[in-house]
N, C-alpha and C. Protein backbone atom coordinates (compact mmCIF):
# COMPACT_ATOMS: atom_id res chain seq x y z
N MET A 1 -44.94 17.71 -3.54
CA MET A 1 -45.55 18.18 -4.77
C MET A 1 -46.56 19.28 -4.44
N LYS A 2 -46.53 20.35 -5.19
CA LYS A 2 -47.45 21.47 -4.96
C LYS A 2 -48.80 21.19 -5.60
N LYS A 3 -49.83 21.64 -4.91
CA LYS A 3 -51.18 21.54 -5.47
C LYS A 3 -51.39 22.73 -6.41
N ASN A 4 -51.98 22.48 -7.56
CA ASN A 4 -52.28 23.55 -8.50
C ASN A 4 -53.47 24.33 -7.96
N ILE A 5 -53.23 25.53 -7.47
CA ILE A 5 -54.31 26.31 -6.86
C ILE A 5 -55.32 26.81 -7.89
N ASN A 6 -54.98 26.72 -9.17
CA ASN A 6 -55.91 27.14 -10.21
C ASN A 6 -56.79 25.99 -10.70
N ALA A 7 -56.47 24.79 -10.30
CA ALA A 7 -57.25 23.63 -10.73
C ALA A 7 -58.61 23.65 -10.04
N LYS A 8 -59.65 23.46 -10.82
CA LYS A 8 -61.01 23.46 -10.26
C LYS A 8 -61.39 22.04 -9.90
N THR A 9 -62.08 21.90 -8.79
CA THR A 9 -62.59 20.60 -8.42
C THR A 9 -63.78 20.27 -9.32
N SER A 10 -64.16 19.03 -9.31
CA SER A 10 -65.32 18.61 -10.12
C SER A 10 -66.57 19.34 -9.70
N ILE A 11 -66.76 19.53 -8.41
CA ILE A 11 -67.98 20.21 -7.96
C ILE A 11 -67.93 21.69 -8.35
N GLU A 12 -66.76 22.29 -8.34
CA GLU A 12 -66.65 23.68 -8.81
C GLU A 12 -66.98 23.78 -10.30
N ARG A 13 -66.54 22.80 -11.07
CA ARG A 13 -66.87 22.79 -12.49
C ARG A 13 -68.37 22.60 -12.70
N ALA A 14 -68.99 21.77 -11.87
CA ALA A 14 -70.44 21.56 -11.96
C ALA A 14 -71.18 22.84 -11.61
N ILE A 15 -70.75 23.52 -10.58
CA ILE A 15 -71.37 24.79 -10.18
C ILE A 15 -71.25 25.81 -11.30
N GLU A 16 -70.08 25.90 -11.88
CA GLU A 16 -69.86 26.84 -12.98
C GLU A 16 -70.72 26.49 -14.19
N ALA A 17 -70.78 25.21 -14.54
CA ALA A 17 -71.57 24.77 -15.69
C ALA A 17 -73.06 25.05 -15.50
N ALA A 18 -73.53 24.96 -14.26
CA ALA A 18 -74.94 25.20 -13.97
C ALA A 18 -75.26 26.69 -13.93
N GLY A 19 -74.25 27.52 -13.68
CA GLY A 19 -74.48 28.96 -13.58
C GLY A 19 -74.46 29.48 -12.16
N GLY A 20 -73.91 28.70 -11.24
CA GLY A 20 -73.78 29.14 -9.86
C GLY A 20 -74.35 28.12 -8.88
N ILE A 21 -74.08 28.37 -7.61
CA ILE A 21 -74.53 27.45 -6.57
C ILE A 21 -76.05 27.33 -6.56
N GLN A 22 -76.74 28.47 -6.57
CA GLN A 22 -78.21 28.42 -6.53
C GLN A 22 -78.78 27.74 -7.77
N ALA A 23 -78.18 27.99 -8.91
CA ALA A 23 -78.66 27.38 -10.15
C ALA A 23 -78.51 25.85 -10.09
N LEU A 24 -77.39 25.36 -9.58
CA LEU A 24 -77.22 23.91 -9.45
C LEU A 24 -78.20 23.34 -8.44
N ALA A 25 -78.38 24.04 -7.33
CA ALA A 25 -79.35 23.60 -6.33
C ALA A 25 -80.74 23.51 -6.93
N ASP A 26 -81.12 24.52 -7.70
CA ASP A 26 -82.44 24.53 -8.34
C ASP A 26 -82.60 23.38 -9.32
N LEU A 27 -81.56 23.11 -10.11
CA LEU A 27 -81.61 22.00 -11.06
C LEU A 27 -81.85 20.66 -10.35
N LEU A 28 -81.28 20.53 -9.15
CA LEU A 28 -81.36 19.28 -8.42
C LEU A 28 -82.52 19.22 -7.43
N GLY A 29 -83.18 20.37 -7.21
CA GLY A 29 -84.27 20.42 -6.25
C GLY A 29 -83.80 20.30 -4.81
N ILE A 30 -82.63 20.88 -4.54
CA ILE A 30 -82.07 20.84 -3.18
C ILE A 30 -81.74 22.26 -2.74
N THR A 31 -81.21 22.40 -1.54
CA THR A 31 -80.93 23.73 -1.00
C THR A 31 -79.57 24.26 -1.45
N TYR A 32 -79.46 25.57 -1.43
CA TYR A 32 -78.20 26.25 -1.68
C TYR A 32 -77.15 25.71 -0.71
N GLY A 33 -77.55 25.56 0.54
CA GLY A 33 -76.63 25.11 1.59
C GLY A 33 -76.02 23.75 1.31
N ALA A 34 -76.79 22.85 0.73
CA ALA A 34 -76.26 21.52 0.41
C ALA A 34 -75.14 21.62 -0.62
N VAL A 35 -75.36 22.42 -1.65
CA VAL A 35 -74.33 22.59 -2.68
C VAL A 35 -73.13 23.33 -2.11
N TRP A 36 -73.39 24.32 -1.27
CA TRP A 36 -72.30 25.06 -0.63
C TRP A 36 -71.44 24.11 0.21
N GLN A 37 -72.05 23.18 0.91
CA GLN A 37 -71.30 22.19 1.72
C GLN A 37 -70.38 21.36 0.84
N TRP A 38 -70.85 20.98 -0.35
CA TRP A 38 -70.00 20.22 -1.27
C TRP A 38 -68.81 21.06 -1.69
N ARG A 39 -69.10 22.32 -2.08
CA ARG A 39 -68.03 23.20 -2.57
C ARG A 39 -66.99 23.46 -1.49
N ALA A 40 -67.45 23.61 -0.25
CA ALA A 40 -66.54 23.88 0.86
C ALA A 40 -65.76 22.63 1.28
N GLY A 41 -66.18 21.47 0.78
CA GLY A 41 -65.48 20.24 1.12
C GLY A 41 -65.94 19.60 2.41
N HIS A 42 -67.05 20.08 2.97
CA HIS A 42 -67.56 19.51 4.22
C HIS A 42 -68.29 18.19 3.99
N THR A 43 -68.92 18.08 2.84
CA THR A 43 -69.62 16.84 2.46
C THR A 43 -69.36 16.60 0.98
N VAL A 44 -69.78 15.45 0.50
CA VAL A 44 -69.69 15.13 -0.92
C VAL A 44 -71.07 14.70 -1.41
N PRO A 45 -71.33 14.86 -2.69
CA PRO A 45 -72.62 14.40 -3.21
C PRO A 45 -72.75 12.88 -3.02
N THR A 46 -73.95 12.44 -2.70
CA THR A 46 -74.19 11.00 -2.63
C THR A 46 -74.05 10.43 -4.04
N PRO A 47 -73.90 9.13 -4.16
CA PRO A 47 -73.85 8.55 -5.51
C PRO A 47 -75.08 8.91 -6.34
N GLU A 48 -76.24 8.93 -5.70
CA GLU A 48 -77.47 9.29 -6.42
C GLU A 48 -77.43 10.74 -6.89
N ARG A 49 -76.91 11.63 -6.07
CA ARG A 49 -76.79 13.03 -6.48
C ARG A 49 -75.76 13.20 -7.58
N ALA A 50 -74.69 12.42 -7.52
CA ALA A 50 -73.68 12.49 -8.58
C ALA A 50 -74.30 12.12 -9.93
N VAL A 51 -75.15 11.11 -9.93
CA VAL A 51 -75.85 10.72 -11.16
C VAL A 51 -76.78 11.85 -11.60
N ALA A 52 -77.50 12.45 -10.65
CA ALA A 52 -78.42 13.54 -10.97
C ALA A 52 -77.67 14.75 -11.55
N ILE A 53 -76.51 15.05 -11.00
CA ILE A 53 -75.69 16.17 -11.51
C ILE A 53 -75.26 15.86 -12.94
N GLU A 54 -74.78 14.65 -13.17
CA GLU A 54 -74.36 14.25 -14.51
C GLU A 54 -75.51 14.43 -15.51
N LYS A 55 -76.69 13.98 -15.14
CA LYS A 55 -77.85 14.10 -16.04
C LYS A 55 -78.25 15.55 -16.24
N ALA A 56 -78.32 16.32 -15.16
CA ALA A 56 -78.74 17.72 -15.24
C ALA A 56 -77.79 18.55 -16.10
N LEU A 57 -76.52 18.21 -16.05
CA LEU A 57 -75.52 18.97 -16.81
C LEU A 57 -75.14 18.30 -18.12
N LYS A 58 -75.93 17.31 -18.52
CA LYS A 58 -75.72 16.63 -19.80
C LYS A 58 -74.28 16.12 -19.95
N SER A 59 -73.79 15.53 -18.88
CA SER A 59 -72.46 14.88 -18.82
C SER A 59 -71.28 15.83 -18.93
N ARG A 60 -71.50 17.14 -18.77
CA ARG A 60 -70.35 18.06 -18.77
C ARG A 60 -69.47 17.78 -17.56
N VAL A 61 -70.08 17.31 -16.47
CA VAL A 61 -69.37 16.79 -15.31
C VAL A 61 -70.01 15.44 -15.04
N THR A 62 -69.20 14.40 -14.97
CA THR A 62 -69.75 13.06 -14.85
C THR A 62 -69.76 12.55 -13.41
N ARG A 63 -70.52 11.50 -13.21
CA ARG A 63 -70.55 10.84 -11.89
C ARG A 63 -69.16 10.35 -11.53
N TYR A 64 -68.38 9.96 -12.52
CA TYR A 64 -67.02 9.47 -12.29
C TYR A 64 -66.11 10.61 -11.82
N ASP A 65 -66.34 11.81 -12.37
CA ASP A 65 -65.57 12.98 -11.93
C ASP A 65 -65.88 13.30 -10.47
N LEU A 66 -67.16 13.23 -10.14
CA LEU A 66 -67.62 13.65 -8.82
C LEU A 66 -67.34 12.63 -7.71
N ARG A 67 -67.48 11.35 -8.03
CA ARG A 67 -67.33 10.31 -7.02
C ARG A 67 -66.49 9.14 -7.53
N PRO A 68 -65.22 9.36 -7.81
CA PRO A 68 -64.39 8.26 -8.31
C PRO A 68 -64.29 7.11 -7.31
N ASP A 69 -64.50 7.41 -6.03
CA ASP A 69 -64.44 6.36 -5.02
C ASP A 69 -65.58 5.35 -5.17
N VAL A 70 -66.67 5.76 -5.78
CA VAL A 70 -67.82 4.89 -5.95
C VAL A 70 -67.89 4.32 -7.37
N PHE A 71 -67.65 5.17 -8.35
CA PHE A 71 -67.88 4.80 -9.73
C PHE A 71 -66.63 4.40 -10.51
N ASP A 72 -65.47 4.45 -9.89
CA ASP A 72 -64.23 4.09 -10.57
C ASP A 72 -64.30 2.64 -11.02
N VAL A 73 -64.00 2.44 -12.27
CA VAL A 73 -64.07 1.07 -12.83
C VAL A 73 -62.69 0.48 -13.02
């Protein structure tokens, strides 16, 4: 099965909703590099950060979108 190369990941949608990597980092009080690591796929947001992203973006991207491995019900 082919991967849809146009499909955005949850973190890419969060970055876009915030207005960019630096804007998301500023909303969360973290570094640009931390958000860049998520986008590059080197790390993932912690469950606590996933909740913070959901709150900062008013649920446009949810904790469930970001960390289904933790929050999947």
